[in-house]
Amino acid sequence: MMRAALLSLGVVFLAGAVPAAEFPKGDAQAGRKQAGQCRTCHGLDGFARIPIAPHIGGEPADYIAQQLTAFRDGTRTHEMMSVVAKSLDDEKIADVAAWYAGHRIVATPTRGEGGAPPDCVSCHGVDGIAVIEEAPNLAGESTIYIDTQLKAFRTGKRTHEIMNEVAAGMSDADIRSAADWYGSVKIEILPPATQ
């Protein structure tokens, strides 16, 4: 039943996504220069350096652009990201998104695929590599990051038409189990092929 609900929510999610055409095409090399301000937390390659920051190397460009735009415009808030994103116009956002999206991520589950969180795999994949472009990768994220984000969705501190509903049905134990599962996936973020 939950899977059917998630699949129908996925259709709503896809229908409500910001079309890629609304974002300018980014210049990855310009984005590399711009990403210098991202390296302390997310690393120049997109492999997070601190446990409260997500890995962003290999994320779809549209997803990164949507999140940066949300931070810039105030529809998503974070004490650091809101400040950083304020200085980014659409072109800089597209450039940063192109830089990080150009990286490739390789995920290796360490627990076998059978224990993947069933409520998560239809969007985030068994191995934590998102199967739809509007969802982020969860592979190798720190347990604390995933736990914090799911609880923010559950309480409404962070809003998303699908994730609020999914997280509302999760207990603390469910959240910790999903966070532990995706956190256990080993990842490697590889540089863009053109470097």
N, C-alpha and C. Protein backbone atom coordinates (compact mmCIF):
# COMPACT_ATOMS: atom_id res chain seq x y z
N MET A 1 0.83 -1.20 0.00
CA MET A 1 0.00 0.00 0.00
C MET A 1 0.87 1.26 0.00
N MET A 2 1.89 1.26 0.86
CA MET A 2 2.77 2.43 0.94
C MET A 2 3.49 2.64 -0.39
N ARG A 3 3.90 1.55 -1.04
CA ARG A 3 4.60 1.69 -2.33
C ARG A 3 3.69 2.30 -3.39
N ALA A 4 2.42 1.88 -3.40
CA ALA A 4 1.47 2.45 -4.37
C ALA A 4 1.30 3.94 -4.12
N ALA A 5 1.22 4.31 -2.86
CA ALA A 5 1.10 5.73 -2.52
C ALA A 5 2.34 6.49 -2.95
N LEU A 6 3.51 5.89 -2.76
CA LEU A 6 4.74 6.57 -3.15
C LEU A 6 4.84 6.72 -4.66
N LEU A 7 4.40 5.70 -5.40
CA LEU A 7 4.45 5.81 -6.86
C LEU A 7 3.51 6.90 -7.35
N SER A 8 2.32 7.00 -6.77
CA SER A 8 1.41 8.06 -7.20
C SER A 8 1.93 9.42 -6.76
N LEU A 9 2.58 9.47 -5.60
CA LEU A 9 3.21 10.72 -5.18
C LEU A 9 4.34 11.08 -6.12
N GLY A 10 5.05 10.08 -6.62
CA GLY A 10 6.14 10.32 -7.55
C GLY A 10 5.65 11.02 -8.81
N VAL A 11 4.45 10.65 -9.29
CA VAL A 11 3.88 11.30 -10.45
C VAL A 11 3.59 12.76 -10.14
N VAL A 12 3.03 13.02 -8.94
CA VAL A 12 2.77 14.39 -8.52
C VAL A 12 4.08 15.16 -8.41
N PHE A 13 5.09 14.52 -7.85
CA PHE A 13 6.41 15.12 -7.68
C PHE A 13 6.98 15.53 -9.03
N LEU A 14 6.94 14.61 -9.98
CA LEU A 14 7.47 14.90 -11.30
C LEU A 14 6.68 16.01 -11.98
N ALA A 15 5.37 15.99 -11.80
CA ALA A 15 4.55 17.03 -12.43
C ALA A 15 4.82 18.39 -11.81
N GLY A 16 5.19 18.44 -10.53
CA GLY A 16 5.42 19.71 -9.86
C GLY A 16 6.85 20.18 -9.93
N ALA A 17 7.72 19.45 -10.57
CA ALA A 17 9.13 19.82 -10.63
C ALA A 17 9.32 21.02 -11.54
N VAL A 18 10.31 21.84 -11.23
CA VAL A 18 10.64 22.98 -12.07
C VAL A 18 11.26 22.45 -13.35
N PRO A 19 10.73 22.82 -14.50
CA PRO A 19 11.28 22.32 -15.76
C PRO A 19 12.73 22.73 -15.94
N ALA A 20 13.53 21.82 -16.52
CA ALA A 20 14.95 22.09 -16.74
C ALA A 20 15.15 23.32 -17.61
N ALA A 21 14.22 23.61 -18.50
CA ALA A 21 14.36 24.74 -19.40
C ALA A 21 14.41 26.07 -18.66
N GLU A 22 13.92 26.12 -17.42
CA GLU A 22 13.94 27.35 -16.66
C GLU A 22 15.32 27.70 -16.13
N PHE A 23 16.23 26.74 -16.10
CA PHE A 23 17.59 26.99 -15.65
C PHE A 23 18.49 27.16 -16.86
N PRO A 24 19.35 28.19 -16.85
CA PRO A 24 20.28 28.32 -17.97
C PRO A 24 21.26 27.15 -17.97
N LYS A 25 21.82 26.86 -19.13
CA LYS A 25 22.83 25.80 -19.22
C LYS A 25 24.10 26.35 -18.59
N GLY A 26 24.66 25.60 -17.66
CA GLY A 26 25.83 26.06 -16.94
C GLY A 26 27.14 25.73 -17.61
N ASP A 27 28.17 26.47 -17.26
CA ASP A 27 29.54 26.26 -17.72
C ASP A 27 30.30 25.61 -16.57
N ALA A 28 30.65 24.34 -16.74
CA ALA A 28 31.28 23.59 -15.65
C ALA A 28 32.60 24.20 -15.20
N GLN A 29 33.40 24.72 -16.11
CA GLN A 29 34.69 25.30 -15.71
C GLN A 29 34.51 26.59 -14.93
N ALA A 30 33.52 27.40 -15.31
CA ALA A 30 33.20 28.58 -14.51
C ALA A 30 32.66 28.14 -13.15
N GLY A 31 31.90 27.05 -13.15
CA GLY A 31 31.38 26.50 -11.90
C GLY A 31 32.46 26.00 -10.98
N ARG A 32 33.53 25.45 -11.56
CA ARG A 32 34.66 24.97 -10.75
C ARG A 32 35.27 26.13 -9.97
N LYS A 33 35.42 27.27 -10.63
CA LYS A 33 35.96 28.45 -9.95
C LYS A 33 34.99 28.92 -8.86
N GLN A 34 33.72 28.96 -9.19
CA GLN A 34 32.70 29.39 -8.23
C GLN A 34 32.62 28.43 -7.04
N ALA A 35 32.88 27.15 -7.28
CA ALA A 35 32.77 26.12 -6.24
C ALA A 35 33.85 26.24 -5.17
N GLY A 36 34.81 27.12 -5.38
CA GLY A 36 35.82 27.34 -4.35
C GLY A 36 35.20 27.71 -3.01
N GLN A 37 34.09 28.42 -3.05
CA GLN A 37 33.41 28.79 -1.80
C GLN A 37 32.62 27.63 -1.19
N CYS A 38 32.48 26.55 -1.94
CA CYS A 38 31.73 25.37 -1.47
C CYS A 38 32.65 24.31 -0.85
N ARG A 39 33.93 24.41 -1.13
CA ARG A 39 34.87 23.33 -0.82
C ARG A 39 35.01 23.03 0.67
N THR A 40 34.86 24.02 1.53
CA THR A 40 35.04 23.77 2.97
C THR A 40 34.05 22.73 3.48
N CYS A 41 32.82 22.81 3.03
CA CYS A 41 31.79 21.88 3.51
C CYS A 41 31.56 20.72 2.55
N HIS A 42 31.45 21.02 1.25
CA HIS A 42 31.09 20.00 0.26
C HIS A 42 32.27 19.45 -0.52
N GLY A 43 33.44 20.03 -0.37
CA GLY A 43 34.61 19.60 -1.13
C GLY A 43 34.52 20.06 -2.56
N LEU A 44 35.65 20.31 -3.18
CA LEU A 44 35.67 20.75 -4.57
C LEU A 44 35.13 19.66 -5.50
N ASP A 45 35.28 18.40 -5.08
CA ASP A 45 34.77 17.28 -5.87
C ASP A 45 33.34 16.88 -5.50
N GLY A 46 32.79 17.53 -4.48
CA GLY A 46 31.42 17.20 -4.06
C GLY A 46 31.34 16.14 -3.00
N PHE A 47 32.48 15.70 -2.46
CA PHE A 47 32.49 14.74 -1.35
C PHE A 47 32.54 15.57 -0.06
N ALA A 48 31.45 15.54 0.71
CA ALA A 48 31.31 16.39 1.89
C ALA A 48 32.45 16.19 2.88
N ARG A 49 32.90 17.29 3.45
CA ARG A 49 34.00 17.27 4.40
C ARG A 49 33.52 17.28 5.85
N ILE A 50 32.24 17.60 6.05
CA ILE A 50 31.68 17.62 7.39
C ILE A 50 30.38 16.80 7.39
N PRO A 51 30.06 16.14 8.51
CA PRO A 51 28.92 15.21 8.51
C PRO A 51 27.54 15.86 8.36
N ILE A 52 27.44 17.16 8.57
CA ILE A 52 26.13 17.80 8.43
C ILE A 52 25.89 18.35 7.04
N ALA A 53 26.86 18.20 6.15
CA ALA A 53 26.71 18.64 4.76
C ALA A 53 26.56 17.41 3.86
N PRO A 54 25.73 17.53 2.83
CA PRO A 54 25.57 16.38 1.92
C PRO A 54 26.66 16.33 0.87
N HIS A 55 26.88 15.12 0.34
CA HIS A 55 27.73 14.95 -0.84
C HIS A 55 26.92 15.51 -2.01
N ILE A 56 27.55 16.30 -2.86
CA ILE A 56 26.81 16.84 -4.00
C ILE A 56 27.45 16.49 -5.34
N GLY A 57 28.61 15.87 -5.33
CA GLY A 57 29.23 15.43 -6.58
C GLY A 57 28.38 14.34 -7.22
N GLY A 58 28.04 14.52 -8.48
CA GLY A 58 27.24 13.53 -9.19
C GLY A 58 25.74 13.73 -9.06
N GLU A 59 25.31 14.74 -8.31
CA GLU A 59 23.87 15.04 -8.25
C GLU A 59 23.45 15.62 -9.60
N PRO A 60 22.20 15.42 -10.01
CA PRO A 60 21.73 16.04 -11.26
C PRO A 60 21.81 17.58 -11.16
N ALA A 61 22.20 18.21 -12.26
CA ALA A 61 22.34 19.67 -12.28
C ALA A 61 21.04 20.37 -11.90
N ASP A 62 19.91 19.86 -12.39
CA ASP A 62 18.64 20.50 -12.08
C ASP A 62 18.34 20.44 -10.58
N TYR A 63 18.66 19.33 -9.95
CA TYR A 63 18.43 19.20 -8.50
C TYR A 63 19.28 20.23 -7.74
N ILE A 64 20.56 20.33 -8.09
CA ILE A 64 21.44 21.29 -7.41
C ILE A 64 20.94 22.70 -7.64
N ALA A 65 20.58 23.02 -8.88
CA ALA A 65 20.09 24.36 -9.19
C ALA A 65 18.81 24.69 -8.42
N GLN A 66 17.90 23.72 -8.32
CA GLN A 66 16.66 23.94 -7.57
C GLN A 66 16.95 24.22 -6.10
N GLN A 67 17.87 23.47 -5.50
CA GLN A 67 18.17 23.67 -4.09
C GLN A 67 18.85 25.01 -3.85
N LEU A 68 19.83 25.36 -4.69
CA LEU A 68 20.51 26.65 -4.54
C LEU A 68 19.54 27.81 -4.73
N THR A 69 18.63 27.68 -5.69
CA THR A 69 17.63 28.72 -5.92
C THR A 69 16.71 28.84 -4.71
N ALA A 70 16.32 27.72 -4.14
CA ALA A 70 15.46 27.74 -2.95
C ALA A 70 16.16 28.42 -1.78
N PHE A 71 17.45 28.14 -1.58
CA PHE A 71 18.19 28.81 -0.52
C PHE A 71 18.30 30.31 -0.81
N ARG A 72 18.59 30.66 -2.04
CA ARG A 72 18.72 32.07 -2.42
C ARG A 72 17.41 32.83 -2.23
N ASP A 73 16.31 32.21 -2.63
CA ASP A 73 15.01 32.89 -2.59
C ASP A 73 14.30 32.77 -1.26
N GLY A 74 14.86 31.97 -0.33
CA GLY A 74 14.28 31.87 1.00
C GLY A 74 13.19 30.84 1.16
N THR A 75 12.93 30.02 0.14
CA THR A 75 11.91 28.97 0.30
C THR A 75 12.48 27.76 1.00
N ARG A 76 13.80 27.70 1.11
CA ARG A 76 14.50 26.73 1.95
C ARG A 76 15.54 27.54 2.71
N THR A 77 15.68 27.26 3.99
CA THR A 77 16.62 28.05 4.79
C THR A 77 17.64 27.17 5.51
N HIS A 78 18.81 27.72 5.64
CA HIS A 78 19.90 27.11 6.38
C HIS A 78 20.85 28.25 6.73
N GLU A 79 21.35 28.24 7.95
CA GLU A 79 22.16 29.38 8.41
C GLU A 79 23.35 29.69 7.50
N MET A 80 23.97 28.71 6.90
CA MET A 80 25.12 28.95 6.02
C MET A 80 24.69 29.05 4.56
N MET A 81 23.91 28.08 4.10
CA MET A 81 23.56 28.03 2.68
C MET A 81 22.72 29.22 2.24
N SER A 82 21.86 29.72 3.10
CA SER A 82 21.05 30.89 2.73
C SER A 82 21.95 32.09 2.46
N VAL A 83 22.99 32.25 3.26
CA VAL A 83 23.92 33.37 3.08
C VAL A 83 24.73 33.18 1.80
N VAL A 84 25.28 32.00 1.60
CA VAL A 84 26.10 31.73 0.41
C VAL A 84 25.27 31.91 -0.86
N ALA A 85 24.07 31.36 -0.88
CA ALA A 85 23.25 31.38 -2.10
C ALA A 85 22.77 32.78 -2.45
N LYS A 86 22.67 33.68 -1.49
CA LYS A 86 22.23 35.05 -1.76
C LYS A 86 23.11 35.73 -2.79
N SER A 87 24.39 35.35 -2.84
CA SER A 87 25.32 36.00 -3.76
C SER A 87 25.33 35.38 -5.16
N LEU A 88 24.49 34.38 -5.38
CA LEU A 88 24.50 33.66 -6.66
C LEU A 88 23.33 34.07 -7.55
N ASP A 89 23.65 34.54 -8.74
CA ASP A 89 22.59 34.79 -9.72
C ASP A 89 22.31 33.47 -10.46
N ASP A 90 21.34 33.49 -11.37
CA ASP A 90 20.96 32.26 -12.07
C ASP A 90 22.13 31.65 -12.83
N GLU A 91 22.95 32.49 -13.44
CA GLU A 91 24.09 31.98 -14.21
C GLU A 91 25.11 31.28 -13.31
N LYS A 92 25.41 31.87 -12.17
CA LYS A 92 26.36 31.26 -11.24
C LYS A 92 25.81 29.95 -10.67
N ILE A 93 24.52 29.94 -10.38
CA ILE A 93 23.89 28.71 -9.90
C ILE A 93 24.00 27.62 -10.96
N ALA A 94 23.71 27.96 -12.21
CA ALA A 94 23.80 26.97 -13.29
C ALA A 94 25.24 26.48 -13.46
N ASP A 95 26.20 27.38 -13.30
CA ASP A 95 27.61 26.99 -13.44
C ASP A 95 28.04 26.02 -12.32
N VAL A 96 27.69 26.35 -11.08
CA VAL A 96 28.03 25.47 -9.95
C VAL A 96 27.35 24.12 -10.13
N ALA A 97 26.08 24.14 -10.53
CA ALA A 97 25.34 22.90 -10.74
C ALA A 97 26.00 22.05 -11.83
N ALA A 98 26.44 22.70 -12.91
CA ALA A 98 27.10 21.97 -14.00
C ALA A 98 28.42 21.35 -13.53
N TRP A 99 29.15 22.08 -12.69
CA TRP A 99 30.43 21.55 -12.18
C TRP A 99 30.20 20.28 -11.36
N TYR A 100 29.35 20.37 -10.36
CA TYR A 100 29.14 19.21 -9.49
C TYR A 100 28.43 18.06 -10.20
N ALA A 101 27.50 18.37 -11.10
CA ALA A 101 26.79 17.32 -11.83
C ALA A 101 27.72 16.58 -12.79
N GLY A 102 28.80 17.23 -13.20
CA GLY A 102 29.75 16.59 -14.11
C GLY A 102 30.56 15.47 -13.48
N HIS A 103 30.56 15.42 -12.16
CA HIS A 103 31.26 14.34 -11.46
C HIS A 103 30.42 13.06 -11.54
N ARG A 104 31.09 11.95 -11.41
CA ARG A 104 30.39 10.66 -11.45
C ARG A 104 30.48 10.02 -10.07
N ILE A 105 29.40 9.43 -9.64
CA ILE A 105 29.38 8.78 -8.33
C ILE A 105 29.20 7.27 -8.52
N VAL A 106 30.01 6.51 -7.82
CA VAL A 106 29.93 5.05 -7.84
C VAL A 106 29.55 4.61 -6.43
N ALA A 107 28.48 3.85 -6.33
CA ALA A 107 27.98 3.41 -5.03
C ALA A 107 28.07 1.89 -4.92
N THR A 108 28.51 1.44 -3.75
CA THR A 108 28.62 0.00 -3.49
C THR A 108 27.94 -0.31 -2.16
N PRO A 109 26.73 -0.90 -2.20
CA PRO A 109 26.08 -1.28 -0.96
C PRO A 109 26.92 -2.30 -0.20
N THR A 110 27.02 -2.15 1.11
CA THR A 110 27.81 -3.07 1.93
C THR A 110 26.94 -4.08 2.65
N ARG A 111 25.63 -3.92 2.59
CA ARG A 111 24.72 -4.80 3.32
C ARG A 111 23.87 -5.66 2.42
N GLY A 112 24.14 -5.68 1.13
CA GLY A 112 23.27 -6.39 0.20
C GLY A 112 22.05 -5.56 -0.07
N GLU A 113 21.38 -5.79 -1.18
CA GLU A 113 20.26 -4.94 -1.57
C GLU A 113 18.96 -5.27 -0.88
N GLY A 114 18.85 -6.45 -0.27
CA GLY A 114 17.60 -6.89 0.32
C GLY A 114 17.11 -6.06 1.50
N GLY A 115 17.99 -5.38 2.17
CA GLY A 115 17.59 -4.59 3.33
C GLY A 115 17.35 -3.12 3.06
N ALA A 116 17.37 -2.72 1.79
CA ALA A 116 17.15 -1.31 1.45
C ALA A 116 15.78 -0.86 1.95
N PRO A 117 15.66 0.38 2.43
CA PRO A 117 14.38 0.87 2.95
C PRO A 117 13.31 0.89 1.84
N PRO A 118 12.28 0.06 1.94
CA PRO A 118 11.31 -0.06 0.85
C PRO A 118 10.58 1.24 0.53
N ASP A 119 10.41 2.12 1.51
CA ASP A 119 9.70 3.37 1.25
C ASP A 119 10.58 4.40 0.55
N CYS A 120 11.85 4.10 0.37
CA CYS A 120 12.80 5.07 -0.19
C CYS A 120 13.28 4.72 -1.60
N VAL A 121 13.30 3.42 -1.92
CA VAL A 121 13.98 2.97 -3.13
C VAL A 121 13.32 3.43 -4.44
N SER A 122 12.02 3.70 -4.43
CA SER A 122 11.37 4.09 -5.69
C SER A 122 11.87 5.44 -6.19
N CYS A 123 12.42 6.27 -5.30
CA CYS A 123 12.98 7.56 -5.72
C CYS A 123 14.50 7.62 -5.55
N HIS A 124 14.99 7.08 -4.44
CA HIS A 124 16.41 7.22 -4.09
C HIS A 124 17.25 5.99 -4.46
N GLY A 125 16.62 4.96 -4.96
CA GLY A 125 17.35 3.78 -5.42
C GLY A 125 17.79 2.85 -4.31
N VAL A 126 18.00 1.60 -4.65
CA VAL A 126 18.45 0.59 -3.70
C VAL A 126 19.84 0.94 -3.18
N ASP A 127 20.69 1.42 -4.08
CA ASP A 127 22.06 1.73 -3.69
C ASP A 127 22.25 3.19 -3.28
N GLY A 128 21.16 3.95 -3.25
CA GLY A 128 21.25 5.35 -2.84
C GLY A 128 21.51 6.31 -3.97
N ILE A 129 21.58 5.81 -5.19
CA ILE A 129 21.71 6.68 -6.36
C ILE A 129 20.29 6.89 -6.88
N ALA A 130 19.85 8.14 -6.87
CA ALA A 130 18.47 8.47 -7.21
C ALA A 130 18.10 7.93 -8.59
N VAL A 131 16.88 7.44 -8.67
CA VAL A 131 16.38 6.90 -9.94
C VAL A 131 15.53 7.93 -10.68
N ILE A 132 15.23 9.05 -10.04
CA ILE A 132 14.56 10.17 -10.70
C ILE A 132 15.40 11.42 -10.45
N GLU A 133 15.46 12.29 -11.44
CA GLU A 133 16.35 13.45 -11.35
C GLU A 133 15.94 14.45 -10.28
N GLU A 134 14.71 14.42 -9.85
CA GLU A 134 14.23 15.38 -8.86
C GLU A 134 14.56 14.97 -7.43
N ALA A 135 15.11 13.78 -7.24
CA ALA A 135 15.47 13.29 -5.91
C ALA A 135 16.98 13.30 -5.75
N PRO A 136 17.46 13.57 -4.54
CA PRO A 136 18.91 13.55 -4.33
C PRO A 136 19.42 12.13 -4.12
N ASN A 137 20.71 11.96 -4.39
CA ASN A 137 21.37 10.71 -4.02
C ASN A 137 21.49 10.67 -2.50
N LEU A 138 21.35 9.50 -1.93
CA LEU A 138 21.53 9.32 -0.49
C LEU A 138 22.73 8.43 -0.17
N ALA A 139 23.32 7.84 -1.19
CA ALA A 139 24.45 6.92 -0.99
C ALA A 139 25.57 7.59 -0.22
N GLY A 140 25.99 6.94 0.85
CA GLY A 140 27.16 7.39 1.59
C GLY A 140 26.97 8.64 2.42
N GLU A 141 25.75 9.20 2.45
CA GLU A 141 25.53 10.37 3.30
C GLU A 141 25.70 9.96 4.76
N SER A 142 26.10 10.90 5.58
CA SER A 142 26.26 10.56 6.99
C SER A 142 24.90 10.28 7.61
N THR A 143 24.89 9.40 8.56
CA THR A 143 23.66 9.06 9.27
C THR A 143 23.04 10.30 9.88
N ILE A 144 23.86 11.17 10.44
CA ILE A 144 23.33 12.38 11.08
C ILE A 144 22.66 13.29 10.06
N TYR A 145 23.21 13.38 8.86
CA TYR A 145 22.60 14.24 7.84
C TYR A 145 21.23 13.70 7.44
N ILE A 146 21.15 12.41 7.10
CA ILE A 146 19.87 11.83 6.67
C ILE A 146 18.85 11.89 7.79
N ASP A 147 19.26 11.54 9.01
CA ASP A 147 18.38 11.59 10.17
C ASP A 147 17.82 13.00 10.37
N THR A 148 18.69 14.00 10.31
CA THR A 148 18.27 15.39 10.51
C THR A 148 17.29 15.83 9.44
N GLN A 149 17.56 15.49 8.18
CA GLN A 149 16.67 15.91 7.09
C GLN A 149 15.30 15.22 7.18
N LEU A 150 15.28 13.92 7.48
CA LEU A 150 14.00 13.23 7.60
C LEU A 150 13.17 13.78 8.76
N LYS A 151 13.81 14.09 9.86
CA LYS A 151 13.08 14.67 10.99
C LYS A 151 12.59 16.07 10.66
N ALA A 152 13.36 16.82 9.88
CA ALA A 152 12.91 18.15 9.45
C ALA A 152 11.68 18.03 8.55
N PHE A 153 11.67 17.03 7.67
CA PHE A 153 10.48 16.80 6.83
C PHE A 153 9.30 16.37 7.70
N ARG A 154 9.56 15.51 8.67
CA ARG A 154 8.48 14.99 9.52
C ARG A 154 7.82 16.11 10.32
N THR A 155 8.60 17.05 10.82
CA THR A 155 8.05 18.14 11.63
C THR A 155 7.54 19.32 10.81
N GLY A 156 7.86 19.34 9.51
CA GLY A 156 7.46 20.45 8.67
C GLY A 156 8.47 21.59 8.64
N LYS A 157 9.58 21.43 9.34
CA LYS A 157 10.63 22.46 9.30
C LYS A 157 11.18 22.59 7.88
N ARG A 158 11.23 21.47 7.18
CA ARG A 158 11.60 21.46 5.76
C ARG A 158 10.38 20.93 5.02
N THR A 159 10.02 21.57 3.92
CA THR A 159 8.79 21.18 3.23
C THR A 159 9.06 20.65 1.83
N HIS A 160 8.33 19.61 1.52
CA HIS A 160 8.34 19.01 0.19
C HIS A 160 7.08 18.16 0.09
N GLU A 161 6.37 18.27 -1.02
CA GLU A 161 5.07 17.62 -1.14
C GLU A 161 5.10 16.12 -0.97
N ILE A 162 6.19 15.46 -1.28
CA ILE A 162 6.27 14.01 -1.09
C ILE A 162 6.93 13.68 0.25
N MET A 163 8.07 14.30 0.50
CA MET A 163 8.85 13.91 1.67
C MET A 163 8.15 14.20 2.99
N ASN A 164 7.34 15.24 3.07
CA ASN A 164 6.62 15.49 4.32
C ASN A 164 5.67 14.35 4.64
N GLU A 165 4.99 13.86 3.61
CA GLU A 165 4.05 12.75 3.81
C GLU A 165 4.79 11.45 4.15
N VAL A 166 5.88 11.18 3.44
CA VAL A 166 6.64 9.96 3.70
C VAL A 166 7.20 10.00 5.13
N ALA A 167 7.84 11.10 5.49
CA ALA A 167 8.48 11.20 6.81
C ALA A 167 7.46 11.21 7.94
N ALA A 168 6.26 11.71 7.68
CA ALA A 168 5.23 11.74 8.73
C ALA A 168 4.89 10.33 9.20
N GLY A 169 5.03 9.36 8.32
CA GLY A 169 4.73 7.98 8.68
C GLY A 169 5.92 7.21 9.24
N MET A 170 7.04 7.89 9.47
CA MET A 170 8.25 7.20 9.95
C MET A 170 8.48 7.47 11.43
N SER A 171 8.75 6.41 12.16
CA SER A 171 9.13 6.55 13.57
C SER A 171 10.60 6.94 13.64
N ASP A 172 11.08 7.29 14.82
CA ASP A 172 12.51 7.56 14.99
C ASP A 172 13.33 6.34 14.58
N ALA A 173 12.84 5.15 14.91
CA ALA A 173 13.57 3.92 14.55
C ALA A 173 13.59 3.72 13.04
N ASP A 174 12.48 4.02 12.36
CA ASP A 174 12.44 3.92 10.89
C ASP A 174 13.44 4.89 10.26
N ILE A 175 13.46 6.10 10.78
CA ILE A 175 14.38 7.12 10.27
C ILE A 175 15.81 6.67 10.47
N ARG A 176 16.12 6.18 11.66
CA ARG A 176 17.49 5.75 11.93
C ARG A 176 17.88 4.56 11.06
N SER A 177 16.95 3.66 10.81
CA SER A 177 17.22 2.50 9.97
C SER A 177 17.53 2.93 8.54
N ALA A 178 16.74 3.86 7.98
CA ALA A 178 16.99 4.36 6.62
C ALA A 178 18.31 5.10 6.56
N ALA A 179 18.59 5.92 7.58
CA ALA A 179 19.84 6.67 7.62
C ALA A 179 21.04 5.73 7.71
N ASP A 180 20.92 4.71 8.55
CA ASP A 180 22.01 3.74 8.68
C ASP A 180 22.23 2.98 7.38
N TRP A 181 21.14 2.60 6.70
CA TRP A 181 21.26 1.85 5.46
C TRP A 181 22.02 2.66 4.42
N TYR A 182 21.53 3.85 4.12
CA TYR A 182 22.16 4.66 3.08
C TYR A 182 23.54 5.15 3.51
N GLY A 183 23.72 5.39 4.80
CA GLY A 183 25.02 5.80 5.30
C GLY A 183 26.08 4.71 5.17
N SER A 184 25.65 3.46 5.13
CA SER A 184 26.59 2.34 5.04
C SER A 184 27.09 2.10 3.61
N VAL A 185 26.43 2.71 2.63
CA VAL A 185 26.83 2.52 1.23
C VAL A 185 28.16 3.24 1.01
N LYS A 186 29.11 2.54 0.45
CA LYS A 186 30.42 3.13 0.14
C LYS A 186 30.32 3.86 -1.19
N ILE A 187 30.89 5.06 -1.24
CA ILE A 187 30.85 5.81 -2.49
C ILE A 187 32.24 6.28 -2.89
N GLU A 188 32.34 6.51 -4.18
CA GLU A 188 33.53 7.15 -4.75
C GLU A 188 33.00 8.20 -5.72
N ILE A 189 33.52 9.42 -5.60
CA ILE A 189 33.13 10.49 -6.51
C ILE A 189 34.31 10.72 -7.45
N LEU A 190 34.04 10.50 -8.73
CA LEU A 190 35.08 10.59 -9.75
C LEU A 190 34.99 11.92 -10.49
N PRO A 191 36.13 12.46 -10.90
CA PRO A 191 36.12 13.76 -11.59
C PRO A 191 35.43 13.67 -12.94
N PRO A 192 35.01 14.83 -13.45
CA PRO A 192 34.41 14.84 -14.79
C PRO A 192 35.34 14.20 -15.81
N ALA A 193 34.78 13.53 -16.78
CA ALA A 193 35.57 12.82 -17.78
C ALA A 193 36.43 13.76 -18.62
N THR A 194 36.06 15.03 -18.72
CA THR A 194 36.78 15.97 -19.56
C THR A 194 37.95 16.64 -18.86
N GLN A 195 38.22 16.30 -17.61
CA GLN A 195 39.33 16.94 -16.90
C GLN A 195 40.65 16.40 -17.31
